[in-house]
Amino acid sequence: MPKVKPNSGASKRFKVTGSGKIKRKHAYKRHILTKKTTKQKRRLTHAGLVHESDMNNVKALLKI
């Protein structure tokens, strides 16, 4: 039987916490930062959690 491999792109983007939640990074922090406010950029720095409605799709990609 072949190995069950997780999606390599998803495994680079998501991390599973100890309680089973999935952490993610915010978008819109890569380029064109001059027109964004400092407050907006600071909020995008902190990690977020995957929403419950997306949890099953992400878990399927990560093979959890």
PDB file of N, CA and C in Angstrom:
ATOM      1  N   MET A   1       0.846  -1.183   0.000  1.00  0.00           N
ATOM      2  CA  MET A   1       0.000   0.000   0.000  1.00  0.00           C
ATOM      3  C   MET A   1       0.887   1.240   0.000  1.00  0.00           C
ATOM      4  N   PRO A   2       0.569   2.251  -0.828  1.00  0.00           N
ATOM      5  CA  PRO A   2       1.444   3.422  -0.912  1.00  0.00           C
ATOM      6  C   PRO A   2       1.313   4.319   0.316  1.00  0.00           C
ATOM      7  N   LYS A   3       2.312   5.173   0.493  1.00  0.00           N
ATOM      8  CA  LYS A   3       2.289   6.124   1.596  1.00  0.00           C
ATOM      9  C   LYS A   3       1.217   7.173   1.359  1.00  0.00           C
ATOM     10  N   VAL A   4       0.649   7.671   2.420  1.00  0.00           N
ATOM     11  CA  VAL A   4      -0.309   8.767   2.337  1.00  0.00           C
ATOM     12  C   VAL A   4       0.478  10.057   2.549  1.00  0.00           C
ATOM     13  N   LYS A   5       0.589  10.868   1.507  1.00  0.00           N
ATOM     14  CA  LYS A   5       1.406  12.065   1.578  1.00  0.00           C
ATOM     15  C   LYS A   5       0.521  13.295   1.733  1.00  0.00           C
ATOM     16  N   PRO A   6       0.880  14.206   2.627  1.00  0.00           N
ATOM     17  CA  PRO A   6       0.140  15.465   2.732  1.00  0.00           C
ATOM     18  C   PRO A   6       0.490  16.376   1.568  1.00  0.00           C
ATOM     19  N   ASN A   7      -0.354  17.344   1.321  1.00  0.00           N
ATOM     20  CA  ASN A   7      -0.088  18.345   0.300  1.00  0.00           C
ATOM     21  C   ASN A   7       1.092  19.192   0.745  1.00  0.00           C
ATOM     22  N   SER A   8       2.161  19.226  -0.052  1.00  0.00           N
ATOM     23  CA  SER A   8       3.389  19.884   0.391  1.00  0.00           C
ATOM     24  C   SER A   8       3.219  21.395   0.494  1.00  0.00           C
ATOM     25  N   GLY A   9       2.383  21.980  -0.365  1.00  0.00           N
ATOM     26  CA  GLY A   9       2.134  23.414  -0.276  1.00  0.00           C
ATOM     27  C   GLY A   9       1.380  23.775   0.994  1.00  0.00           C
ATOM     28  N   ALA A  10       0.418  22.941   1.367  1.00  0.00           N
ATOM     29  CA  ALA A  10      -0.366  23.198   2.567  1.00  0.00           C
ATOM     30  C   ALA A  10       0.467  22.985   3.828  1.00  0.00           C
ATOM     31  N   SER A  11       1.365  22.001   3.797  1.00  0.00           N
ATOM     32  CA  SER A  11       2.159  21.738   4.994  1.00  0.00           C
ATOM     33  C   SER A  11       3.149  22.864   5.264  1.00  0.00           C
ATOM     34  N   LYS A  12       3.512  23.640   4.234  1.00  0.00           N
ATOM     35  CA  LYS A  12       4.374  24.799   4.443  1.00  0.00           C
ATOM     36  C   LYS A  12       3.606  25.986   4.991  1.00  0.00           C
ATOM     37  N   ARG A  13       2.301  26.034   4.754  1.00  0.00           N
ATOM     38  CA  ARG A  13       1.501  27.203   5.105  1.00  0.00           C
ATOM     39  C   ARG A  13       0.759  27.080   6.427  1.00  0.00           C
ATOM     40  N   PHE A  14       0.522  25.871   6.897  1.00  0.00           N
ATOM     41  CA  PHE A  14      -0.284  25.658   8.097  1.00  0.00           C
ATOM     42  C   PHE A  14       0.495  24.884   9.141  1.00  0.00           C
ATOM     43  N   LYS A  15       0.230  25.196  10.428  1.00  0.00           N
ATOM     44  CA  LYS A  15       0.818  24.449  11.540  1.00  0.00           C
ATOM     45  C   LYS A  15      -0.303  24.087  12.496  1.00  0.00           C
ATOM     46  N   VAL A  16      -0.220  22.899  13.073  1.00  0.00           N
ATOM     47  CA  VAL A  16      -1.238  22.427  14.006  1.00  0.00           C
ATOM     48  C   VAL A  16      -0.784  22.752  15.422  1.00  0.00           C
ATOM     49  N   THR A  17      -1.673  23.356  16.207  1.00  0.00           N
ATOM     50  CA  THR A  17      -1.356  23.686  17.590  1.00  0.00           C
ATOM     51  C   THR A  17      -1.537  22.454  18.469  1.00  0.00           C
ATOM     52  N   GLY A  18      -1.164  22.568  19.719  1.00  0.00           N
ATOM     53  CA  GLY A  18      -1.298  21.455  20.644  1.00  0.00           C
ATOM     54  C   GLY A  18      -2.729  21.066  20.906  1.00  0.00           C
ATOM     55  N   SER A  19      -3.641  22.041  20.834  1.00  0.00           N
ATOM     56  CA  SER A  19      -5.051  21.744  21.080  1.00  0.00           C
ATOM     57  C   SER A  19      -5.777  21.288  19.826  1.00  0.00           C
ATOM     58  N   GLY A  20      -5.068  21.203  18.691  1.00  0.00           N
ATOM     59  CA  GLY A  20      -5.683  20.699  17.477  1.00  0.00           C
ATOM     60  C   GLY A  20      -6.169  21.762  16.522  1.00  0.00           C
ATOM     61  N   LYS A  21      -6.041  23.038  16.890  1.00  0.00           N
ATOM     62  CA  LYS A  21      -6.412  24.105  15.967  1.00  0.00           C
ATOM     63  C   LYS A  21      -5.308  24.269  14.932  1.00  0.00           C
ATOM     64  N   ILE A  22      -5.624  24.943  13.832  1.00  0.00           N
ATOM     65  CA  ILE A  22      -4.655  25.111  12.756  1.00  0.00           C
ATOM     66  C   ILE A  22      -4.331  26.593  12.612  1.00  0.00           C
ATOM     67  N   LYS A  23      -3.036  26.911  12.724  1.00  0.00           N
ATOM     68  CA  LYS A  23      -2.580  28.289  12.600  1.00  0.00           C
ATOM     69  C   LYS A  23      -2.300  28.608  11.141  1.00  0.00           C
ATOM     70  N   ARG A  24      -2.462  29.887  10.796  1.00  0.00           N
ATOM     71  CA  ARG A  24      -2.185  30.357   9.448  1.00  0.00           C
ATOM     72  C   ARG A  24      -1.631  31.768   9.538  1.00  0.00           C
ATOM     73  N   LYS A  25      -1.023  32.217   8.445  1.00  0.00           N
ATOM     74  CA  LYS A  25      -0.546  33.585   8.374  1.00  0.00           C
ATOM     75  C   LYS A  25      -1.548  34.424   7.601  1.00  0.00           C
ATOM     76  N   HIS A  26      -1.525  35.726   7.849  1.00  0.00           N
ATOM     77  CA  HIS A  26      -2.408  36.643   7.146  1.00  0.00           C
ATOM     78  C   HIS A  26      -1.863  36.966   5.768  1.00  0.00           C
ATOM     79  N   ALA A  27      -2.759  37.237   4.851  1.00  0.00           N
ATOM     80  CA  ALA A  27      -2.380  37.663   3.510  1.00  0.00           C
ATOM     81  C   ALA A  27      -2.170  39.180   3.504  1.00  0.00           C
ATOM     82  N   TYR A  28      -1.744  39.714   2.370  1.00  0.00           N
ATOM     83  CA  TYR A  28      -1.580  41.163   2.136  1.00  0.00           C
ATOM     84  C   TYR A  28      -0.443  41.769   2.931  1.00  0.00           C
ATOM     85  N   LYS A  29       0.616  41.023   3.213  1.00  0.00           N
ATOM     86  CA  LYS A  29       1.754  41.568   3.934  1.00  0.00           C
ATOM     87  C   LYS A  29       3.047  41.386   3.130  1.00  0.00           C
ATOM     88  N   ARG A  30       2.962  41.128   1.823  1.00  0.00           N
ATOM     89  CA  ARG A  30       4.134  40.808   1.027  1.00  0.00           C
ATOM     90  C   ARG A  30       4.704  42.011   0.283  1.00  0.00           C
ATOM     91  N   HIS A  31       3.865  42.776  -0.388  1.00  0.00           N
ATOM     92  CA  HIS A  31       4.372  43.889  -1.195  1.00  0.00           C
ATOM     93  C   HIS A  31       3.317  44.980  -1.233  1.00  0.00           C
ATOM     94  N   ILE A  32       3.642  46.100  -1.846  1.00  0.00           N
ATOM     95  CA  ILE A  32       2.806  47.307  -1.870  1.00  0.00           C
ATOM     96  C   ILE A  32       2.447  47.698  -0.436  1.00  0.00           C
ATOM     97  N   LEU A  33       3.458  47.819   0.393  1.00  0.00           N
ATOM     98  CA  LEU A  33       3.228  48.119   1.802  1.00  0.00           C
ATOM     99  C   LEU A  33       3.224  49.612   2.084  1.00  0.00           C
ATOM    100  N   THR A  34       3.617  50.443   1.121  1.00  0.00           N
ATOM    101  CA  THR A  34       3.717  51.880   1.391  1.00  0.00           C
ATOM    102  C   THR A  34       2.352  52.513   1.585  1.00  0.00           C
ATOM    103  N   LYS A  35       1.332  52.017   0.905  1.00  0.00           N
ATOM    104  CA  LYS A  35       0.010  52.625   1.028  1.00  0.00           C
ATOM    105  C   LYS A  35      -0.801  52.043   2.176  1.00  0.00           C
ATOM    106  N   LYS A  36      -0.286  51.022   2.842  1.00  0.00           N
ATOM    107  CA  LYS A  36      -0.989  50.442   3.979  1.00  0.00           C
ATOM    108  C   LYS A  36      -0.527  51.127   5.260  1.00  0.00           C
ATOM    109  N   THR A  37      -1.456  51.307   6.175  1.00  0.00           N
ATOM    110  CA  THR A  37      -1.118  51.991   7.422  1.00  0.00           C
ATOM    111  C   THR A  37      -0.277  51.087   8.316  1.00  0.00           C
ATOM    112  N   THR A  38       0.427  51.716   9.243  1.00  0.00           N
ATOM    113  CA  THR A  38       1.253  50.961  10.178  1.00  0.00           C
ATOM    114  C   THR A  38       0.396  50.031  11.026  1.00  0.00           C
ATOM    115  N   LYS A  39      -0.777  50.506  11.409  1.00  0.00           N
ATOM    116  CA  LYS A  39      -1.684  49.680  12.204  1.00  0.00           C
ATOM    117  C   LYS A  39      -2.114  48.430  11.434  1.00  0.00           C
ATOM    118  N   GLN A  40      -2.418  48.613  10.155  1.00  0.00           N
ATOM    119  CA  GLN A  40      -2.836  47.484   9.337  1.00  0.00           C
ATOM    120  C   GLN A  40      -1.714  46.471   9.183  1.00  0.00           C
ATOM    121  N   LYS A  41      -0.501  46.952   8.946  1.00  0.00           N
ATOM    122  CA  LYS A  41       0.638  46.041   8.785  1.00  0.00           C
ATOM    123  C   LYS A  41       0.958  45.316  10.084  1.00  0.00           C
ATOM    124  N   ARG A  42       0.795  46.002  11.199  1.00  0.00           N
ATOM    125  CA  ARG A  42       1.071  45.384  12.496  1.00  0.00           C
ATOM    126  C   ARG A  42       0.057  44.281  12.795  1.00  0.00           C
ATOM    127  N   ARG A  43      -1.211  44.500  12.458  1.00  0.00           N
ATOM    128  CA  ARG A  43      -2.227  43.470  12.686  1.00  0.00           C
ATOM    129  C   ARG A  43      -2.008  42.256  11.803  1.00  0.00           C
ATOM    130  N   LEU A  44      -1.490  42.468  10.586  1.00  0.00           N
ATOM    131  CA  LEU A  44      -1.255  41.353   9.670  1.00  0.00           C
ATOM    132  C   LEU A  44      -0.056  40.512  10.075  1.00  0.00           C
ATOM    133  N   THR A  45       0.799  41.039  10.963  1.00  0.00           N
ATOM    134  CA  THR A  45       1.984  40.309  11.397  1.00  0.00           C
ATOM    135  C   THR A  45       1.609  39.085  12.235  1.00  0.00           C
ATOM    136  N   HIS A  46       0.591  39.220  13.074  1.00  0.00           N
ATOM    137  CA  HIS A  46       0.229  38.152  14.001  1.00  0.00           C
ATOM    138  C   HIS A  46      -0.472  37.012  13.272  1.00  0.00           C
ATOM    139  N   ALA A  47      -0.234  35.808  13.722  1.00  0.00           N
ATOM    140  CA  ALA A  47      -0.842  34.630  13.107  1.00  0.00           C
ATOM    141  C   ALA A  47      -2.317  34.554  13.461  1.00  0.00           C
ATOM    142  N   GLY A  48      -3.087  33.962  12.576  1.00  0.00           N
ATOM    143  CA  GLY A  48      -4.506  33.748  12.809  1.00  0.00           C
ATOM    144  C   GLY A  48      -4.805  32.265  12.861  1.00  0.00           C
ATOM    145  N   LEU A  49      -6.074  31.951  13.027  1.00  0.00           N
ATOM    146  CA  LEU A  49      -6.518  30.561  13.035  1.00  0.00           C
ATOM    147  C   LEU A  49      -7.420  30.315  11.836  1.00  0.00           C
ATOM    148  N   VAL A  50      -7.412  29.096  11.359  1.00  0.00           N
ATOM    149  CA  VAL A  50      -8.278  28.715  10.245  1.00  0.00           C
ATOM    150  C   VAL A  50      -9.711  28.675  10.752  1.00  0.00           C
ATOM    151  N   HIS A  51     -10.623  29.225   9.962  1.00  0.00           N
ATOM    152  CA  HIS A  51     -12.036  29.266  10.341  1.00  0.00           C
ATOM    153  C   HIS A  51     -12.625  27.854  10.336  1.00  0.00           C
ATOM    154  N   GLU A  52     -13.659  27.656  11.155  1.00  0.00           N
ATOM    155  CA  GLU A  52     -14.260  26.325  11.278  1.00  0.00           C
ATOM    156  C   GLU A  52     -14.807  25.813   9.944  1.00  0.00           C
ATOM    157  N   SER A  53     -15.308  26.725   9.106  1.00  0.00           N
ATOM    158  CA  SER A  53     -15.874  26.291   7.830  1.00  0.00           C
ATOM    159  C   SER A  53     -14.799  25.801   6.865  1.00  0.00           C
ATOM    160  N   ASP A  54     -13.547  26.218   7.055  1.00  0.00           N
ATOM    161  CA  ASP A  54     -12.450  25.763   6.201  1.00  0.00           C
ATOM    162  C   ASP A  54     -11.652  24.630   6.830  1.00  0.00           C
ATOM    163  N   MET A  55     -11.952  24.271   8.054  1.00  0.00           N
ATOM    164  CA  MET A  55     -11.129  23.324   8.801  1.00  0.00           C
ATOM    165  C   MET A  55     -11.071  21.948   8.129  1.00  0.00           C
ATOM    166  N   ASN A  56     -12.203  21.450   7.633  1.00  0.00           N
ATOM    167  CA  ASN A  56     -12.213  20.116   7.031  1.00  0.00           C
ATOM    168  C   ASN A  56     -11.368  20.070   5.763  1.00  0.00           C
ATOM    169  N   ASN A  57     -11.411  21.146   4.956  1.00  0.00           N
ATOM    170  CA  ASN A  57     -10.608  21.173   3.729  1.00  0.00           C
ATOM    171  C   ASN A  57      -9.133  21.187   4.046  1.00  0.00           C
ATOM    172  N   VAL A  58      -8.719  21.975   5.040  1.00  0.00           N
ATOM    173  CA  VAL A  58      -7.298  22.074   5.386  1.00  0.00           C
ATOM    174  C   VAL A  58      -6.828  20.764   6.001  1.00  0.00           C
ATOM    175  N   LYS A  59      -7.650  20.144   6.841  1.00  0.00           N
ATOM    176  CA  LYS A  59      -7.264  18.868   7.438  1.00  0.00           C
ATOM    177  C   LYS A  59      -7.120  17.781   6.373  1.00  0.00           C
ATOM    178  N   ALA A  60      -7.944  17.848   5.335  1.00  0.00           N
ATOM    179  CA  ALA A  60      -7.825  16.876   4.244  1.00  0.00           C
ATOM    180  C   ALA A  60      -6.508  17.069   3.493  1.00  0.00           C
ATOM    181  N   LEU A  61      -6.108  18.329   3.306  1.00  0.00           N
ATOM    182  CA  LEU A  61      -4.838  18.583   2.623  1.00  0.00           C
ATOM    183  C   LEU A  61      -3.650  18.136   3.463  1.00  0.00           C
ATOM    184  N   LEU A  62      -3.764  18.322   4.791  1.00  0.00           N
ATOM    185  CA  LEU A  62      -2.663  17.955   5.686  1.00  0.00           C
ATOM    186  C   LEU A  62      -2.710  16.487   6.078  1.00  0.00           C
ATOM    187  N   LYS A  63      -3.761  15.780   5.709  1.00  0.00           N
ATOM    188  CA  LYS A  63      -3.957  14.359   6.052  1.00  0.00           C
ATOM    189  C   LYS A  63      -3.939  14.154   7.567  1.00  0.00           C
ATOM    190  N   ILE A  64      -4.713  14.988   8.265  1.00  0.00           N
ATOM    191  CA  ILE A  64      -4.795  14.884   9.735  1.00  0.00           C
ATOM    192  C   ILE A  64      -5.993  14.006  10.084  1.00  0.00           C
TER     193      ILE A  64
END
